[in-house]
């Protein structure tokens, strides 16, 4: 799966944690992915790197991966009220959590 000739870059960034987040998103959606170049961040102050950290997938799954990334990037972030309502509906509302210092 990890032969470079069969891999295609689907996401580029300067931050390794962004790439890892996208990689995890793809993997959770069933698309095997890997992060390349995260080790280069340690020398980032020494040389200009540009978008040296890349997420790569099999070429055959690149279109699928890009669609997953695009959907994730276009998702709206819920307001605090919406997030609280969703948490309450899932049984995770503030009333369900122990108070500070209690277990």
PDB file of N, CA and C in Angstrom:
ATOM      1  N   UNK A   1       0.805  -1.189   0.000  1.00  0.00           N
ATOM      2  CA  UNK A   1       0.000   0.000   0.000  1.00  0.00           C
ATOM      3  C   UNK A   1       0.851   1.258   0.000  1.00  0.00           C
ATOM      4  N   UNK A   2       2.035   1.235   0.599  1.00  0.00           N
ATOM      5  CA  UNK A   2       2.794   2.453   0.790  1.00  0.00           C
ATOM      6  C   UNK A   2       3.902   2.670  -0.232  1.00  0.00           C
ATOM      7  N   UNK A   3       3.777   2.111  -1.402  1.00  0.00           N
ATOM      8  CA  UNK A   3       4.755   2.400  -2.442  1.00  0.00           C
ATOM      9  C   UNK A   3       4.468   3.786  -3.002  1.00  0.00           C
ATOM     10  N   UNK A   4       5.479   4.627  -3.071  1.00  0.00           N
ATOM     11  CA  UNK A   4       5.289   6.011  -3.501  1.00  0.00           C
ATOM     12  C   UNK A   4       4.646   6.129  -4.874  1.00  0.00           C
ATOM     13  N   UNK A   5       4.909   5.209  -5.769  1.00  0.00           N
ATOM     14  CA  UNK A   5       4.359   5.306  -7.114  1.00  0.00           C
ATOM     15  C   UNK A   5       2.848   5.107  -7.123  1.00  0.00           C
ATOM     16  N   UNK A   6       2.290   4.535  -6.071  1.00  0.00           N
ATOM     17  CA  UNK A   6       0.851   4.310  -6.016  1.00  0.00           C
ATOM     18  C   UNK A   6       0.158   5.264  -5.044  1.00  0.00           C
ATOM     19  N   UNK A   7       0.907   6.260  -4.562  1.00  0.00           N
ATOM     20  CA  UNK A   7       0.360   7.198  -3.581  1.00  0.00           C
ATOM     21  C   UNK A   7       0.205   8.579  -4.200  1.00  0.00           C
ATOM     22  N   UNK A   8      -0.808   9.303  -3.718  1.00  0.00           N
ATOM     23  CA  UNK A   8      -1.057  10.655  -4.211  1.00  0.00           C
ATOM     24  C   UNK A   8      -1.307  11.575  -3.012  1.00  0.00           C
ATOM     25  N   UNK A   9      -0.781  12.784  -3.104  1.00  0.00           N
ATOM     26  CA  UNK A   9      -0.990  13.766  -2.054  1.00  0.00           C
ATOM     27  C   UNK A   9      -2.394  14.344  -2.188  1.00  0.00           C
ATOM     28  N   UNK A  10      -3.144  14.333  -1.059  1.00  0.00           N
ATOM     29  CA  UNK A  10      -4.504  14.869  -1.065  1.00  0.00           C
ATOM     30  C   UNK A  10      -4.653  16.075  -0.138  1.00  0.00           C
ATOM     31  N   UNK A  11      -3.609  16.360   0.663  1.00  0.00           N
ATOM     32  CA  UNK A  11      -3.668  17.489   1.589  1.00  0.00           C
ATOM     33  C   UNK A  11      -2.250  17.905   1.913  1.00  0.00           C
ATOM     34  N   UNK A  12      -2.005  19.231   1.913  1.00  0.00           N
ATOM     35  CA  UNK A  12      -0.695  19.768   2.262  1.00  0.00           C
ATOM     36  C   UNK A  12      -0.849  20.869   3.295  1.00  0.00           C
ATOM     37  N   UNK A  13       0.100  20.955   4.206  1.00  0.00           N
ATOM     38  CA  UNK A  13       0.063  21.960   5.257  1.00  0.00           C
ATOM     39  C   UNK A  13       1.475  22.209   5.775  1.00  0.00           C
ATOM     40  N   UNK A  14       1.608  23.215   6.609  1.00  0.00           N
ATOM     41  CA  UNK A  14       2.893  23.460   7.264  1.00  0.00           C
ATOM     42  C   UNK A  14       2.918  22.876   8.670  1.00  0.00           C
ATOM     43  N   UNK A  15       1.755  22.430   9.155  1.00  0.00           N
ATOM     44  CA  UNK A  15       1.651  21.942  10.527  1.00  0.00           C
ATOM     45  C   UNK A  15       1.345  20.455  10.578  1.00  0.00           C
ATOM     46  N   UNK A  16       2.199  19.713  11.247  1.00  0.00           N
ATOM     47  CA  UNK A  16       2.045  18.263  11.327  1.00  0.00           C
ATOM     48  C   UNK A  16       0.736  17.860  11.989  1.00  0.00           C
ATOM     49  N   UNK A  17       0.298  18.614  13.003  1.00  0.00           N
ATOM     50  CA  UNK A  17      -0.933  18.195  13.677  1.00  0.00           C
ATOM     51  C   UNK A  17      -2.155  18.360  12.780  1.00  0.00           C
ATOM     52  N   UNK A  18      -2.154  19.334  11.849  1.00  0.00           N
ATOM     53  CA  UNK A  18      -3.251  19.442  10.882  1.00  0.00           C
ATOM     54  C   UNK A  18      -3.262  18.216   9.973  1.00  0.00           C
ATOM     55  N   UNK A  19      -2.102  17.845   9.489  1.00  0.00           N
ATOM     56  CA  UNK A  19      -2.004  16.683   8.614  1.00  0.00           C
ATOM     57  C   UNK A  19      -2.437  15.416   9.342  1.00  0.00           C
ATOM     58  N   UNK A  20      -2.039  15.272  10.594  1.00  0.00           N
ATOM     59  CA  UNK A  20      -2.419  14.081  11.351  1.00  0.00           C
ATOM     60  C   UNK A  20      -3.922  14.041  11.581  1.00  0.00           C
ATOM     61  N   UNK A  21      -4.537  15.193  11.809  1.00  0.00           N
ATOM     62  CA  UNK A  21      -5.979  15.258  11.997  1.00  0.00           C
ATOM     63  C   UNK A  21      -6.705  14.807  10.718  1.00  0.00           C
ATOM     64  N   UNK A  22      -6.234  15.275   9.567  1.00  0.00           N
ATOM     65  CA  UNK A  22      -6.840  14.881   8.294  1.00  0.00           C
ATOM     66  C   UNK A  22      -6.599  13.396   8.036  1.00  0.00           C
ATOM     67  N   UNK A  23      -5.411  12.927   8.341  1.00  0.00           N
ATOM     68  CA  UNK A  23      -5.095  11.510   8.178  1.00  0.00           C
ATOM     69  C   UNK A  23      -6.040  10.660   9.027  1.00  0.00           C
ATOM     70  N   UNK A  24      -6.239  11.048  10.277  1.00  0.00           N
ATOM     71  CA  UNK A  24      -7.149  10.324  11.171  1.00  0.00           C
ATOM     72  C   UNK A  24      -8.582  10.360  10.652  1.00  0.00           C
ATOM     73  N   UNK A  25      -9.002  11.508  10.095  1.00  0.00           N
ATOM     74  CA  UNK A  25     -10.334  11.635   9.509  1.00  0.00           C
ATOM     75  C   UNK A  25     -10.508  10.624   8.380  1.00  0.00           C
ATOM     76  N   UNK A  26      -9.522  10.551   7.498  1.00  0.00           N
ATOM     77  CA  UNK A  26      -9.594   9.621   6.371  1.00  0.00           C
ATOM     78  C   UNK A  26      -9.618   8.172   6.844  1.00  0.00           C
ATOM     79  N   UNK A  27      -8.758   7.852   7.774  1.00  0.00           N
ATOM     80  CA  UNK A  27      -8.706   6.479   8.287  1.00  0.00           C
ATOM     81  C   UNK A  27     -10.036   6.097   8.923  1.00  0.00           C
ATOM     82  N   UNK A  28     -10.629   7.034   9.690  1.00  0.00           N
ATOM     83  CA  UNK A  28     -11.912   6.729  10.328  1.00  0.00           C
ATOM     84  C   UNK A  28     -13.025   6.553   9.295  1.00  0.00           C
ATOM     85  N   UNK A  29     -12.854   7.123   8.106  1.00  0.00           N
ATOM     86  CA  UNK A  29     -13.823   6.962   7.026  1.00  0.00           C
ATOM     87  C   UNK A  29     -13.505   5.738   6.162  1.00  0.00           C
ATOM     88  N   UNK A  30     -12.479   4.993   6.534  1.00  0.00           N
ATOM     89  CA  UNK A  30     -12.138   3.773   5.813  1.00  0.00           C
ATOM     90  C   UNK A  30     -11.161   3.947   4.674  1.00  0.00           C
ATOM     91  N   UNK A  31     -10.509   5.090   4.601  1.00  0.00           N
ATOM     92  CA  UNK A  31      -9.520   5.352   3.546  1.00  0.00           C
ATOM     93  C   UNK A  31      -8.131   5.311   4.175  1.00  0.00           C
ATOM     94  N   UNK A  32      -7.345   4.281   3.896  1.00  0.00           N
ATOM     95  CA  UNK A  32      -5.987   4.226   4.445  1.00  0.00           C
ATOM     96  C   UNK A  32      -5.176   5.439   3.987  1.00  0.00           C
ATOM     97  N   UNK A  33      -4.480   6.059   4.942  1.00  0.00           N
ATOM     98  CA  UNK A  33      -3.713   7.270   4.644  1.00  0.00           C
ATOM     99  C   UNK A  33      -2.466   7.302   5.494  1.00  0.00           C
ATOM    100  N   UNK A  34      -1.531   8.160   5.082  1.00  0.00           N
ATOM    101  CA  UNK A  34      -0.316   8.350   5.873  1.00  0.00           C
ATOM    102  C   UNK A  34       0.125   9.804   5.784  1.00  0.00           C
ATOM    103  N   UNK A  35       0.906  10.230   6.775  1.00  0.00           N
ATOM    104  CA  UNK A  35       1.464  11.581   6.806  1.00  0.00           C
ATOM    105  C   UNK A  35       2.934  11.485   6.439  1.00  0.00           C
ATOM    106  N   UNK A  36       3.349  12.285   5.491  1.00  0.00           N
ATOM    107  CA  UNK A  36       4.760  12.364   5.095  1.00  0.00           C
ATOM    108  C   UNK A  36       5.289  13.761   5.401  1.00  0.00           C
ATOM    109  N   UNK A  37       6.505  13.838   5.903  1.00  0.00           N
ATOM    110  CA  UNK A  37       7.173  15.109   6.104  1.00  0.00           C
ATOM    111  C   UNK A  37       7.004  15.727   7.475  1.00  0.00           C
ATOM    112  N   UNK A  38       6.325  15.068   8.389  1.00  0.00           N
ATOM    113  CA  UNK A  38       6.113  15.677   9.708  1.00  0.00           C
ATOM    114  C   UNK A  38       7.432  15.869  10.448  1.00  0.00           C
ATOM    115  N   UNK A  39       8.408  15.049  10.159  1.00  0.00           N
ATOM    116  CA  UNK A  39       9.725  15.170  10.790  1.00  0.00           C
ATOM    117  C   UNK A  39      10.463  16.434  10.360  1.00  0.00           C
ATOM    118  N   UNK A  40      10.030  17.055   9.266  1.00  0.00           N
ATOM    119  CA  UNK A  40      10.695  18.265   8.772  1.00  0.00           C
ATOM    120  C   UNK A  40      10.374  19.498   9.603  1.00  0.00           C
ATOM    121  N   UNK A  41       9.310  19.436  10.408  1.00  0.00           N
ATOM    122  CA  UNK A  41       8.948  20.603  11.208  1.00  0.00           C
ATOM    123  C   UNK A  41      10.060  21.017  12.155  1.00  0.00           C
ATOM    124  N   UNK A  42      10.858  20.090  12.598  1.00  0.00           N
ATOM    125  CA  UNK A  42      11.910  20.418  13.565  1.00  0.00           C
ATOM    126  C   UNK A  42      12.972  21.347  12.979  1.00  0.00           C
ATOM    127  N   UNK A  43      13.095  21.391  11.660  1.00  0.00           N
ATOM    128  CA  UNK A  43      14.073  22.291  11.041  1.00  0.00           C
ATOM    129  C   UNK A  43      13.398  23.479  10.366  1.00  0.00           C
ATOM    130  N   UNK A  44      12.109  23.663  10.635  1.00  0.00           N
ATOM    131  CA  UNK A  44      11.324  24.708   9.986  1.00  0.00           C
ATOM    132  C   UNK A  44      11.883  26.103  10.163  1.00  0.00           C
ATOM    133  N   UNK A  45      12.535  26.387  11.270  1.00  0.00           N
ATOM    134  CA  UNK A  45      13.083  27.718  11.476  1.00  0.00           C
ATOM    135  C   UNK A  45      14.376  27.940  10.724  1.00  0.00           C
ATOM    136  N   UNK A  46      14.967  26.890  10.239  1.00  0.00           N
ATOM    137  CA  UNK A  46      16.263  26.971   9.572  1.00  0.00           C
ATOM    138  C   UNK A  46      16.155  27.176   8.064  1.00  0.00           C
ATOM    139  N   UNK A  47      15.157  26.534   7.454  1.00  0.00           N
ATOM    140  CA  UNK A  47      14.984  26.647   6.004  1.00  0.00           C
ATOM    141  C   UNK A  47      13.503  26.838   5.691  1.00  0.00           C
ATOM    142  N   UNK A  48      13.156  27.507   4.601  1.00  0.00           N
ATOM    143  CA  UNK A  48      11.746  27.650   4.233  1.00  0.00           C
ATOM    144  C   UNK A  48      11.201  26.316   3.719  1.00  0.00           C
ATOM    145  N   UNK A  49      10.115  25.862   4.326  1.00  0.00           N
ATOM    146  CA  UNK A  49       9.593  24.550   3.970  1.00  0.00           C
ATOM    147  C   UNK A  49       8.335  24.596   3.112  1.00  0.00           C
ATOM    148  N   UNK A  50       7.596  25.684   3.153  1.00  0.00           N
ATOM    149  CA  UNK A  50       6.326  25.705   2.450  1.00  0.00           C
ATOM    150  C   UNK A  50       5.393  24.681   3.066  1.00  0.00           C
ATOM    151  N   UNK A  51       4.561  24.079   2.260  1.00  0.00           N
ATOM    152  CA  UNK A  51       3.643  23.038   2.735  1.00  0.00           C
ATOM    153  C   UNK A  51       4.325  21.680   2.639  1.00  0.00           C
ATOM    154  N   UNK A  52       5.265  21.450   3.525  1.00  0.00           N
ATOM    155  CA  UNK A  52       6.087  20.246   3.445  1.00  0.00           C
ATOM    156  C   UNK A  52       5.447  19.022   4.066  1.00  0.00           C
ATOM    157  N   UNK A  53       4.406  19.202   4.866  1.00  0.00           N
ATOM    158  CA  UNK A  53       3.745  18.063   5.500  1.00  0.00           C
ATOM    159  C   UNK A  53       2.555  17.685   4.628  1.00  0.00           C
ATOM    160  N   UNK A  54       2.518  16.419   4.212  1.00  0.00           N
ATOM    161  CA  UNK A  54       1.512  15.974   3.253  1.00  0.00           C
ATOM    162  C   UNK A  54       0.770  14.740   3.763  1.00  0.00           C
ATOM    163  N   UNK A  55      -0.518  14.678   3.401  1.00  0.00           N
ATOM    164  CA  UNK A  55      -1.304  13.472   3.635  1.00  0.00           C
ATOM    165  C   UNK A  55      -1.410  12.776   2.288  1.00  0.00           C
ATOM    166  N   UNK A  56      -1.075  11.493   2.291  1.00  0.00           N
ATOM    167  CA  UNK A  56      -1.070  10.737   1.033  1.00  0.00           C
ATOM    168  C   UNK A  56      -1.945   9.505   1.158  1.00  0.00           C
ATOM    169  N   UNK A  57      -2.595   9.166   0.058  1.00  0.00           N
ATOM    170  CA  UNK A  57      -3.440   7.972  -0.017  1.00  0.00           C
ATOM    171  C   UNK A  57      -3.136   7.246  -1.322  1.00  0.00           C
ATOM    172  N   UNK A  58      -3.674   6.043  -1.456  1.00  0.00           N
ATOM    173  CA  UNK A  58      -3.530   5.317  -2.720  1.00  0.00           C
ATOM    174  C   UNK A  58      -4.170   6.151  -3.828  1.00  0.00           C
ATOM    175  N   UNK A  59      -3.551   6.190  -4.972  1.00  0.00           N
ATOM    176  CA  UNK A  59      -4.049   6.971  -6.095  1.00  0.00           C
ATOM    177  C   UNK A  59      -5.494   6.620  -6.424  1.00  0.00           C
ATOM    178  N   UNK A  60      -5.850   5.363  -6.342  1.00  0.00           N
ATOM    179  CA  UNK A  60      -7.202   4.922  -6.660  1.00  0.00           C
ATOM    180  C   UNK A  60      -8.249   5.491  -5.701  1.00  0.00           C
ATOM    181  N   UNK A  61      -7.819   5.927  -4.514  1.00  0.00           N
ATOM    182  CA  UNK A  61      -8.763   6.448  -3.506  1.00  0.00           C
ATOM    183  C   UNK A  61      -8.627   7.953  -3.295  1.00  0.00           C
ATOM    184  N   UNK A  62      -7.826   8.617  -4.133  1.00  0.00           N
ATOM    185  CA  UNK A  62      -7.565  10.046  -3.963  1.00  0.00           C
ATOM    186  C   UNK A  62      -8.830  10.886  -4.101  1.00  0.00           C
ATOM    187  N   UNK A  63      -9.662  10.606  -5.089  1.00  0.00           N
ATOM    188  CA  UNK A  63     -10.892  11.384  -5.284  1.00  0.00           C
ATOM    189  C   UNK A  63     -11.810  11.222  -4.073  1.00  0.00           C
ATOM    190  N   UNK A  64     -11.929  10.012  -3.573  1.00  0.00           N
ATOM    191  CA  UNK A  64     -12.741   9.751  -2.386  1.00  0.00           C
ATOM    192  C   UNK A  64     -12.195  10.524  -1.182  1.00  0.00           C
ATOM    193  N   UNK A  65     -10.882  10.502  -1.020  1.00  0.00           N
ATOM    194  CA  UNK A  65     -10.248  11.209   0.098  1.00  0.00           C
ATOM    195  C   UNK A  65     -10.481  12.709  -0.003  1.00  0.00           C
ATOM    196  N   UNK A  66     -10.337  13.264  -1.197  1.00  0.00           N
ATOM    197  CA  UNK A  66     -10.558  14.703  -1.380  1.00  0.00           C
ATOM    198  C   UNK A  66     -12.010  15.084  -1.076  1.00  0.00           C
ATOM    199  N   UNK A  67     -12.952  14.217  -1.438  1.00  0.00           N
ATOM    200  CA  UNK A  67     -14.369  14.483  -1.145  1.00  0.00           C
ATOM    201  C   UNK A  67     -14.614  14.484   0.361  1.00  0.00           C
ATOM    202  N   UNK A  68     -14.007  13.562   1.076  1.00  0.00           N
ATOM    203  CA  UNK A  68     -14.139  13.497   2.537  1.00  0.00           C
ATOM    204  C   UNK A  68     -13.562  14.754   3.171  1.00  0.00           C
ATOM    205  N   UNK A  69     -12.393  15.167   2.705  1.00  0.00           N
ATOM    206  CA  UNK A  69     -11.748  16.374   3.234  1.00  0.00           C
ATOM    207  C   UNK A  69     -12.605  17.600   2.943  1.00  0.00           C
ATOM    208  N   UNK A  70     -13.121  17.713   1.726  1.00  0.00           N
ATOM    209  CA  UNK A  70     -13.951  18.860   1.355  1.00  0.00           C
ATOM    210  C   UNK A  70     -15.215  18.920   2.200  1.00  0.00           C
ATOM    211  N   UNK A  71     -15.833  17.778   2.442  1.00  0.00           N
ATOM    212  CA  UNK A  71     -17.039  17.750   3.275  1.00  0.00           C
ATOM    213  C   UNK A  71     -16.716  18.204   4.695  1.00  0.00           C
ATOM    214  N   UNK A  72     -15.608  17.722   5.230  1.00  0.00           N
ATOM    215  CA  UNK A  72     -15.201  18.095   6.588  1.00  0.00           C
ATOM    216  C   UNK A  72     -14.899  19.598   6.670  1.00  0.00           C
ATOM    217  N   UNK A  73     -14.188  20.121   5.661  1.00  0.00           N
ATOM    218  CA  UNK A  73     -13.831  21.540   5.657  1.00  0.00           C
ATOM    219  C   UNK A  73     -15.054  22.451   5.512  1.00  0.00           C
ATOM    220  N   UNK A  74     -16.106  21.967   4.863  1.00  0.00           N
ATOM    221  CA  UNK A  74     -17.287  22.803   4.648  1.00  0.00           C
ATOM    222  C   UNK A  74     -18.311  22.681   5.780  1.00  0.00           C
ATOM    223  N   UNK A  75     -18.083  21.779   6.711  1.00  0.00           N
ATOM    224  CA  UNK A  75     -19.019  21.591   7.823  1.00  0.00           C
ATOM    225  C   UNK A  75     -19.061  22.848   8.687  1.00  0.00           C
ATOM    226  N   UNK A  76     -20.267  23.178   9.133  1.00  0.00           N
ATOM    227  CA  UNK A  76     -20.427  24.346   9.992  1.00  0.00           C
ATOM    228  C   UNK A  76     -20.112  23.968  11.438  1.00  0.00           C
ATOM    229  N   UNK A  77     -19.474  24.884  12.133  1.00  0.00           N
ATOM    230  CA  UNK A  77     -19.178  24.680  13.544  1.00  0.00           C
ATOM    231  C   UNK A  77     -20.413  25.101  14.329  1.00  0.00           C
ATOM    232  N   UNK A  78     -20.950  24.211  15.166  1.00  0.00           N
ATOM    233  CA  UNK A  78     -22.158  24.584  15.911  1.00  0.00           C
ATOM    234  C   UNK A  78     -21.875  25.665  16.949  1.00  0.00           C
ATOM    235  N   UNK A  79     -22.890  26.477  17.220  1.00  0.00           N
ATOM    236  CA  UNK A  79     -22.765  27.484  18.275  1.00  0.00           C
ATOM    237  C   UNK A  79     -22.704  26.767  19.620  1.00  0.00           C
ATOM    238  N   UNK A  80     -22.341  27.496  20.658  1.00  0.00           N
ATOM    239  CA  UNK A  80     -22.299  26.902  21.997  1.00  0.00           C
ATOM    240  C   UNK A  80     -23.660  26.349  22.383  1.00  0.00           C
ATOM    241  N   UNK A  81     -24.728  27.064  22.040  1.00  0.00           N
ATOM    242  CA  UNK A  81     -26.082  26.619  22.377  1.00  0.00           C
ATOM    243  C   UNK A  81     -26.428  25.328  21.639  1.00  0.00           C
ATOM    244  N   UNK A  82     -26.073  25.256  20.340  1.00  0.00           N
ATOM    245  CA  UNK A  82     -26.342  24.050  19.563  1.00  0.00           C
ATOM    246  C   UNK A  82     -25.548  22.865  20.097  1.00  0.00           C
ATOM    247  N   UNK A  83     -24.292  23.108  20.434  1.00  0.00           N
ATOM    248  CA  UNK A  83     -23.460  22.031  20.977  1.00  0.00           C
ATOM    249  C   UNK A  83     -24.013  21.546  22.312  1.00  0.00           C
ATOM    250  N   UNK A  84     -24.475  22.469  23.161  1.00  0.00           N
ATOM    251  CA  UNK A  84     -25.049  22.088  24.453  1.00  0.00           C
ATOM    252  C   UNK A  84     -26.322  21.278  24.256  1.00  0.00           C
ATOM    253  N   UNK A  85     -27.161  21.675  23.286  1.00  0.00           N
ATOM    254  CA  UNK A  85     -28.400  20.943  23.010  1.00  0.00           C
ATOM    255  C   UNK A  85     -28.095  19.539  22.505  1.00  0.00           C
ATOM    256  N   UNK A  86     -27.092  19.406  21.641  1.00  0.00           N
ATOM    257  CA  UNK A  86     -26.697  18.082  21.148  1.00  0.00           C
ATOM    258  C   UNK A  86     -26.166  17.214  22.275  1.00  0.00           C
ATOM    259  N   UNK A  87     -25.367  17.800  23.152  1.00  0.00           N
ATOM    260  CA  UNK A  87     -24.823  17.053  24.286  1.00  0.00           C
ATOM    261  C   UNK A  87     -25.945  16.606  25.218  1.00  0.00           C
ATOM    262  N   UNK A  88     -26.894  17.492  25.462  1.00  0.00           N
ATOM    263  CA  UNK A  88     -28.035  17.161  26.328  1.00  0.00           C
ATOM    264  C   UNK A  88     -28.840  16.019  25.717  1.00  0.00           C
ATOM    265  N   UNK A  89     -29.082  16.089  24.406  1.00  0.00           N
ATOM    266  CA  UNK A  89     -29.838  15.044  23.720  1.00  0.00           C
ATOM    267  C   UNK A  89     -29.121  13.696  23.779  1.00  0.00           C
ATOM    268  N   UNK A  90     -27.796  13.740  23.820  1.00  0.00           N
ATOM    269  CA  UNK A  90     -27.011  12.509  23.897  1.00  0.00           C
ATOM    270  C   UNK A  90     -26.814  12.037  25.330  1.00  0.00           C
ATOM    271  N   UNK A  91     -27.411  12.754  26.276  1.00  0.00           N
ATOM    272  CA  UNK A  91     -27.272  12.373  27.676  1.00  0.00           C
ATOM    273  C   UNK A  91     -25.977  12.841  28.310  1.00  0.00           C
ATOM    274  N   UNK A  92     -25.347  13.841  27.700  1.00  0.00           N
ATOM    275  CA  UNK A  92     -24.066  14.346  28.213  1.00  0.00           C
ATOM    276  C   UNK A  92     -24.183  15.769  28.725  1.00  0.00           C
ATOM    277  N   UNK A  93     -25.381  16.204  29.045  1.00  0.00           N
ATOM    278  CA  UNK A  93     -25.593  17.577  29.497  1.00  0.00           C
ATOM    279  C   UNK A  93     -24.881  17.868  30.797  1.00  0.00           C
ATOM    280  N   UNK A  94     -24.764  19.150  31.131  1.00  0.00           N
ATOM    281  CA  UNK A  94     -24.047  19.579  32.327  1.00  0.00           C
ATOM    282  C   UNK A  94     -24.611  18.941  33.580  1.00  0.00           C
ATOM    283  N   UNK A  95     -25.910  18.681  33.601  1.00  0.00           N
ATOM    284  CA  UNK A  95     -26.518  18.058  34.763  1.00  0.00           C
ATOM    285  C   UNK A  95     -26.079  16.621  34.968  1.00  0.00           C
ATOM    286  N   UNK A  96     -25.504  16.005  33.971  1.00  0.00           N
ATOM    287  CA  UNK A  96     -25.096  14.605  34.039  1.00  0.00           C
ATOM    288  C   UNK A  96     -23.650  14.429  34.475  1.00  0.00           C
ATOM    289  N   UNK A  97     -22.879  15.514  34.458  1.00  0.00           N
ATOM    290  CA  UNK A  97     -21.468  15.426  34.796  1.00  0.00           C
ATOM    291  C   UNK A  97     -21.270  15.685  36.283  1.00  0.00           C
ATOM    292  N   UNK A  98     -20.316  15.022  36.934  1.00  0.00           N
ATOM    293  CA  UNK A  98     -20.079  15.280  38.354  1.00  0.00           C
ATOM    294  C   UNK A  98     -19.544  16.687  38.562  1.00  0.00           C
ATOM    295  N   UNK A  99     -19.892  17.283  39.679  1.00  0.00           N
ATOM    296  CA  UNK A  99     -19.381  18.609  40.022  1.00  0.00           C
ATOM    297  C   UNK A  99     -17.898  18.500  40.323  1.00  0.00           C
ATOM    298  N   UNK A 100     -17.195  19.644  40.311  1.00  0.00           N
ATOM    299  CA  UNK A 100     -15.758  19.643  40.606  1.00  0.00           C
ATOM    300  C   UNK A 100     -15.505  18.994  41.959  1.00  0.00           C
ATOM    301  N   UNK A 101     -14.561  18.092  41.992  1.00  0.00           N
ATOM    302  CA  UNK A 101     -14.167  17.446  43.227  1.00  0.00           C
ATOM    303  C   UNK A 101     -15.049  16.272  43.595  1.00  0.00           C
ATOM    304  N   UNK A 102     -16.128  16.009  42.860  1.00  0.00           N
ATOM    305  CA  UNK A 102     -17.001  14.875  43.157  1.00  0.00           C
ATOM    306  C   UNK A 102     -16.789  13.794  42.125  1.00  0.00           C
ATOM    307  N   UNK A 103     -17.035  12.568  42.513  1.00  0.00           N
ATOM    308  CA  UNK A 103     -16.891  11.449  41.578  1.00  0.00           C
ATOM    309  C   UNK A 103     -18.149  10.650  41.513  1.00  0.00           C
TER     310      UNK A 103
END
